[in-house]
Amino acid sequence: MQRQTCILLLFVSLFSISLSASIASLADLKKQVIDGKIPSRGVNLGGWLVAEKWMTGGSPAWNGVPDDIANKGEYSAMKYLGHEKGDPQFDEHRRTFITEQDFKEISEAGMNTVRLPVGYWIVGFDHTWGSDVDSWKVYAPGGLNYLDKAIREWGPAHNILVLISFHAAKGSQNGNDNSSPEVPGEADWFGYKENVNNSLDAVEFLAARYKDEAAFLGKFFLS
């Protein structure tokens, strides 16, 4: 029993040393990328935390959702499904569409960065005002847990930097499915101060949450 305990402690110690070395290496990589000494080579992880039907057609997220609704974006899909059906479907999508294995393969392919689109609802709050103050509650919860995994676990484990793309703003910045508009085709982000303030709150929340993480490269605002 004592021998088994010693072996377990040795394993834990070696794992901790390995993880610390990986994070130190990643911190050095980030500095060199920011300083322009080496290029950021990466791929886009679109469709994961902001689901888009055209690129994730086989995902369980869309089970039972007519194409004309699914093609309008995640908001419309969840309004149609409701939380009882939609929450487990979207969680299954997030759990399986991108995994740590993808980060491993991206690293093995010689990449050092991923761009990860997110929507305003991922933060799980809205401190503004207006008739749509609860619009974030329409979405399936739990996306932040997967963003945490990407930045705090998978990135450091495989020497991958994560660039967060704030891809879907409250009110929609373009009216397209990638910004999950409440009213498809309408871009209402610009016309309402509360929408802009919501975006600023969300971006500040994400910056504060990840500012000390070795894998966090930065944020890209809207597209």
Protein backbone atom coordinates (compact mmCIF):
# COMPACT_ATOMS: atom_id res chain seq x y z
CA MET A 1 0.00 0.00 0.00
CA GLN A 2 2.84 2.37 0.87
CA ARG A 3 4.55 1.55 -2.43
CA GLN A 4 1.33 2.26 -4.36
CA THR A 5 0.95 5.57 -2.55
CA CYS A 6 4.53 6.55 -3.44
CA ILE A 7 3.94 5.65 -7.09
CA LEU A 8 0.73 7.71 -7.14
CA LEU A 9 2.48 10.71 -5.57
CA LEU A 10 5.31 10.39 -8.09
CA PHE A 11 2.81 10.31 -10.95
CA VAL A 12 1.00 13.39 -9.64
CA SER A 13 4.31 15.23 -9.19
CA LEU A 14 5.48 14.37 -12.71
CA PHE A 15 2.11 15.43 -14.15
CA SER A 16 2.29 18.76 -12.29
CA ILE A 17 5.85 19.36 -13.51
CA SER A 18 4.85 18.49 -17.08
CA LEU A 19 1.83 20.83 -16.99
CA SER A 20 3.92 23.67 -15.49
CA ALA A 21 6.53 23.23 -18.22
CA SER A 22 3.81 23.25 -20.88
CA ILE A 23 2.30 26.46 -19.52
CA ALA A 24 5.74 28.10 -19.35
CA SER A 25 6.33 27.11 -22.97
CA LEU A 26 2.91 28.44 -23.96
CA ALA A 27 3.54 31.75 -22.18
CA ASP A 28 6.76 32.08 -24.17
CA LEU A 29 4.90 31.25 -27.38
CA LYS A 30 2.28 33.90 -26.64
CA LYS A 31 4.92 36.55 -26.01
CA GLN A 32 6.65 35.76 -29.29
CA VAL A 33 3.36 35.86 -31.21
CA ILE A 34 2.38 39.19 -29.63
CA ASP A 35 5.85 40.61 -30.29
CA GLY A 36 5.63 39.53 -33.92
CA LYS A 37 8.64 37.24 -33.70
CA ILE A 38 6.70 34.20 -34.88
CA PRO A 39 3.42 34.07 -36.84
CA SER A 40 0.14 32.93 -35.40
CA ARG A 41 -0.82 29.84 -37.39
CA GLY A 42 -4.27 28.56 -36.66
CA VAL A 43 -7.72 27.39 -37.53
CA ASN A 44 -11.24 28.60 -36.85
CA LEU A 45 -13.46 26.59 -34.50
CA GLY A 46 -16.66 28.05 -35.90
CA GLY A 47 -19.96 26.34 -35.21
CA TRP A 48 -19.01 25.10 -31.76
CA LEU A 49 -20.08 27.69 -29.16
CA VAL A 50 -22.10 29.68 -31.70
CA ALA A 51 -23.89 26.96 -33.64
CA GLU A 52 -24.49 27.59 -37.35
CA LYS A 53 -26.59 25.05 -39.23
CA TRP A 54 -24.76 25.33 -42.55
CA MET A 55 -21.49 24.10 -41.03
CA THR A 56 -22.91 21.75 -38.37
CA GLY A 57 -25.76 20.10 -40.23
CA GLY A 58 -25.24 16.69 -38.63
CA SER A 59 -25.09 18.03 -35.09
CA PRO A 60 -27.60 16.82 -32.48
CA ALA A 61 -28.30 20.50 -31.76
CA TRP A 62 -30.66 20.61 -34.73
CA ASN A 63 -32.58 17.40 -34.07
CA GLY A 64 -36.27 18.03 -34.67
CA VAL A 65 -35.71 21.63 -35.84
CA PRO A 66 -37.04 22.44 -39.34
CA ASP A 67 -34.38 23.78 -41.69
CA ASP A 68 -36.13 27.11 -42.17
CA ILE A 69 -35.87 27.71 -38.41
CA ALA A 70 -32.41 26.21 -37.86
CA ASN A 71 -30.97 28.34 -40.65
CA LYS A 72 -31.96 31.48 -38.72
CA GLY A 73 -29.51 30.72 -35.92
CA GLU A 74 -29.24 29.40 -32.40
CA TYR A 75 -31.80 31.80 -30.90
CA SER A 76 -34.55 30.69 -33.27
CA ALA A 77 -33.68 27.02 -32.76
CA MET A 78 -33.88 27.29 -28.97
CA LYS A 79 -37.14 29.27 -29.13
CA TYR A 80 -38.55 26.41 -31.18
CA LEU A 81 -37.16 23.60 -29.00
CA GLY A 82 -37.53 25.08 -25.53
CA HIS A 83 -35.16 24.23 -22.70
CA GLU A 84 -36.45 20.73 -22.00
CA LYS A 85 -35.43 19.51 -25.46
CA GLY A 86 -32.92 22.15 -26.47
CA ASP A 87 -30.60 22.15 -23.45
CA PRO A 88 -29.52 18.49 -23.72
CA GLN A 89 -29.23 18.71 -27.51
CA PHE A 90 -26.99 21.75 -27.44
CA ASP A 91 -24.93 20.35 -24.57
CA GLU A 92 -24.36 17.17 -26.59
CA HIS A 93 -23.30 19.35 -29.53
CA ARG A 94 -20.81 21.28 -27.40
CA ARG A 95 -19.51 18.10 -25.78
CA THR A 96 -18.83 16.30 -29.06
CA PHE A 97 -18.33 18.85 -31.86
CA ILE A 98 -14.94 20.02 -30.56
CA THR A 99 -12.95 17.97 -28.03
CA GLU A 100 -9.44 17.86 -26.59
CA GLN A 101 -8.54 15.43 -29.38
CA ASP A 102 -9.10 18.24 -31.88
CA PHE A 103 -6.66 20.46 -29.98
CA LYS A 104 -4.13 17.61 -30.01
CA GLU A 105 -4.47 17.14 -33.76
CA ILE A 106 -4.30 20.89 -34.41
CA SER A 107 -1.05 21.02 -32.46
CA GLU A 108 0.35 17.97 -34.26
CA ALA A 109 -0.45 19.65 -37.59
CA GLY A 110 1.93 22.48 -36.67
CA MET A 111 -0.67 25.05 -35.65
CA ASN A 112 -0.33 27.23 -32.56
CA THR A 113 -3.65 29.13 -32.41
CA VAL A 114 -7.40 28.63 -32.62
CA ARG A 115 -10.03 31.30 -33.18
CA LEU A 116 -13.07 30.54 -31.05
CA PRO A 117 -16.34 32.38 -31.78
CA VAL A 118 -18.71 33.02 -28.85
CA GLY A 119 -22.02 34.80 -28.37
CA TYR A 120 -23.07 37.40 -25.81
CA TRP A 121 -25.17 34.81 -23.95
CA ILE A 122 -22.14 32.74 -22.94
CA VAL A 123 -21.48 34.97 -19.91
CA GLY A 124 -24.88 34.14 -18.40
CA PHE A 125 -26.07 37.63 -17.46
CA ASP A 126 -27.36 40.93 -18.82
CA HIS A 127 -26.97 44.00 -16.61
CA THR A 128 -28.65 46.39 -19.05
CA TRP A 129 -32.34 47.17 -19.51
CA GLY A 130 -35.11 47.01 -22.10
CA SER A 131 -37.76 44.56 -23.29
CA ASP A 132 -35.18 41.96 -24.35
CA VAL A 133 -33.11 42.01 -21.14
CA ASP A 134 -33.80 38.28 -20.69
CA SER A 135 -32.96 37.23 -24.26
CA TRP A 136 -29.81 35.44 -23.07
CA LYS A 137 -32.01 33.07 -21.06
CA VAL A 138 -33.41 31.61 -24.29
CA TYR A 139 -30.09 29.88 -25.00
CA ALA A 140 -28.96 26.56 -23.58
CA PRO A 141 -26.71 27.26 -20.57
CA GLY A 142 -23.26 25.81 -20.02
CA GLY A 143 -21.23 27.17 -22.92
CA LEU A 144 -18.82 28.93 -20.57
CA ASN A 145 -17.73 25.57 -19.15
CA TYR A 146 -16.45 24.54 -22.58
CA LEU A 147 -14.70 27.85 -23.14
CA ASP A 148 -13.00 27.28 -19.78
CA LYS A 149 -11.86 23.84 -20.94
CA ALA A 150 -10.42 25.26 -24.16
CA ILE A 151 -8.46 28.03 -22.44
CA ARG A 152 -7.57 26.47 -19.09
CA GLU A 153 -7.08 22.81 -20.01
CA TRP A 154 -6.80 21.92 -23.68
CA GLY A 155 -4.78 24.94 -24.80
CA PRO A 156 -2.07 24.53 -22.15
CA ALA A 157 -2.00 20.74 -22.61
CA HIS A 158 -1.29 21.03 -26.34
CA ASN A 159 0.51 24.38 -26.62
CA ILE A 160 -2.39 26.10 -28.38
CA LEU A 161 -3.31 29.77 -27.96
CA VAL A 162 -6.99 30.76 -27.98
CA LEU A 163 -8.27 33.94 -29.64
CA ILE A 164 -11.85 34.63 -28.55
CA SER A 165 -14.01 36.06 -31.33
CA PHE A 166 -17.02 37.96 -29.96
CA HIS A 167 -19.12 36.70 -32.84
CA ALA A 168 -22.73 37.37 -31.86
CA ALA A 169 -23.78 40.59 -30.17
CA LYS A 170 -27.09 41.21 -28.43
CA GLY A 171 -29.52 42.57 -31.00
CA SER A 172 -27.34 41.14 -33.81
CA GLN A 173 -24.71 43.17 -35.62
CA ASN A 174 -25.59 41.83 -39.08
CA GLY A 175 -28.95 40.02 -39.00
CA ASN A 176 -27.37 36.76 -40.15
CA ASP A 177 -27.45 33.33 -38.52
CA ASN A 178 -23.86 33.62 -37.27
CA SER A 179 -24.99 36.42 -34.93
CA SER A 180 -28.15 34.59 -33.86
CA PRO A 181 -30.63 37.46 -34.35
CA GLU A 182 -33.86 37.60 -32.38
CA VAL A 183 -35.52 38.87 -35.55
CA PRO A 184 -33.83 37.20 -38.55
CA GLY A 185 -32.56 39.71 -41.07
CA GLU A 186 -32.57 42.62 -38.63
CA ALA A 187 -29.36 44.13 -37.24
CA ASP A 188 -30.39 46.01 -34.10
CA TRP A 189 -27.09 46.12 -32.22
CA PHE A 190 -26.14 49.60 -33.48
CA GLY A 191 -29.43 51.30 -32.72
CA TYR A 192 -29.74 50.57 -29.01
CA LYS A 193 -27.32 51.76 -26.34
CA GLU A 194 -28.24 48.86 -24.06
CA ASN A 195 -27.07 46.39 -26.71
CA VAL A 196 -23.69 48.09 -27.00
CA ASN A 197 -23.37 48.23 -23.21
CA ASN A 198 -24.21 44.52 -23.01
CA SER A 199 -21.39 43.76 -25.44
CA LEU A 200 -18.94 45.83 -23.43
CA ASP A 201 -20.00 44.08 -20.22
CA ALA A 202 -19.55 40.66 -21.81
CA VAL A 203 -16.15 41.47 -23.30
CA GLU A 204 -14.93 42.92 -19.99
CA PHE A 205 -16.15 39.80 -18.16
CA LEU A 206 -14.26 37.50 -20.52
CA ALA A 207 -11.11 39.63 -20.34
CA ALA A 208 -11.14 39.59 -16.54
CA ARG A 209 -11.84 35.85 -16.44
CA TYR A 210 -8.97 34.85 -18.72
CA LYS A 211 -6.40 37.63 -18.49
CA ASP A 212 -3.98 35.52 -16.45
CA GLU A 213 -4.38 32.33 -18.49
CA ALA A 214 -1.34 31.33 -20.54
CA ALA A 215 -3.48 30.15 -23.46
CA PHE A 216 -5.56 33.33 -23.75
CA LEU A 217 -4.24 35.30 -26.73
CA GLY A 218 -6.89 38.03 -26.82
CA LYS A 219 -10.30 38.99 -28.23
CA PHE A 220 -11.64 39.83 -31.67
CA PHE A 221 -14.70 42.08 -31.60
CA LEU A 222 -17.57 41.34 -34.02
CA SER A 223 -17.55 40.21 -37.62
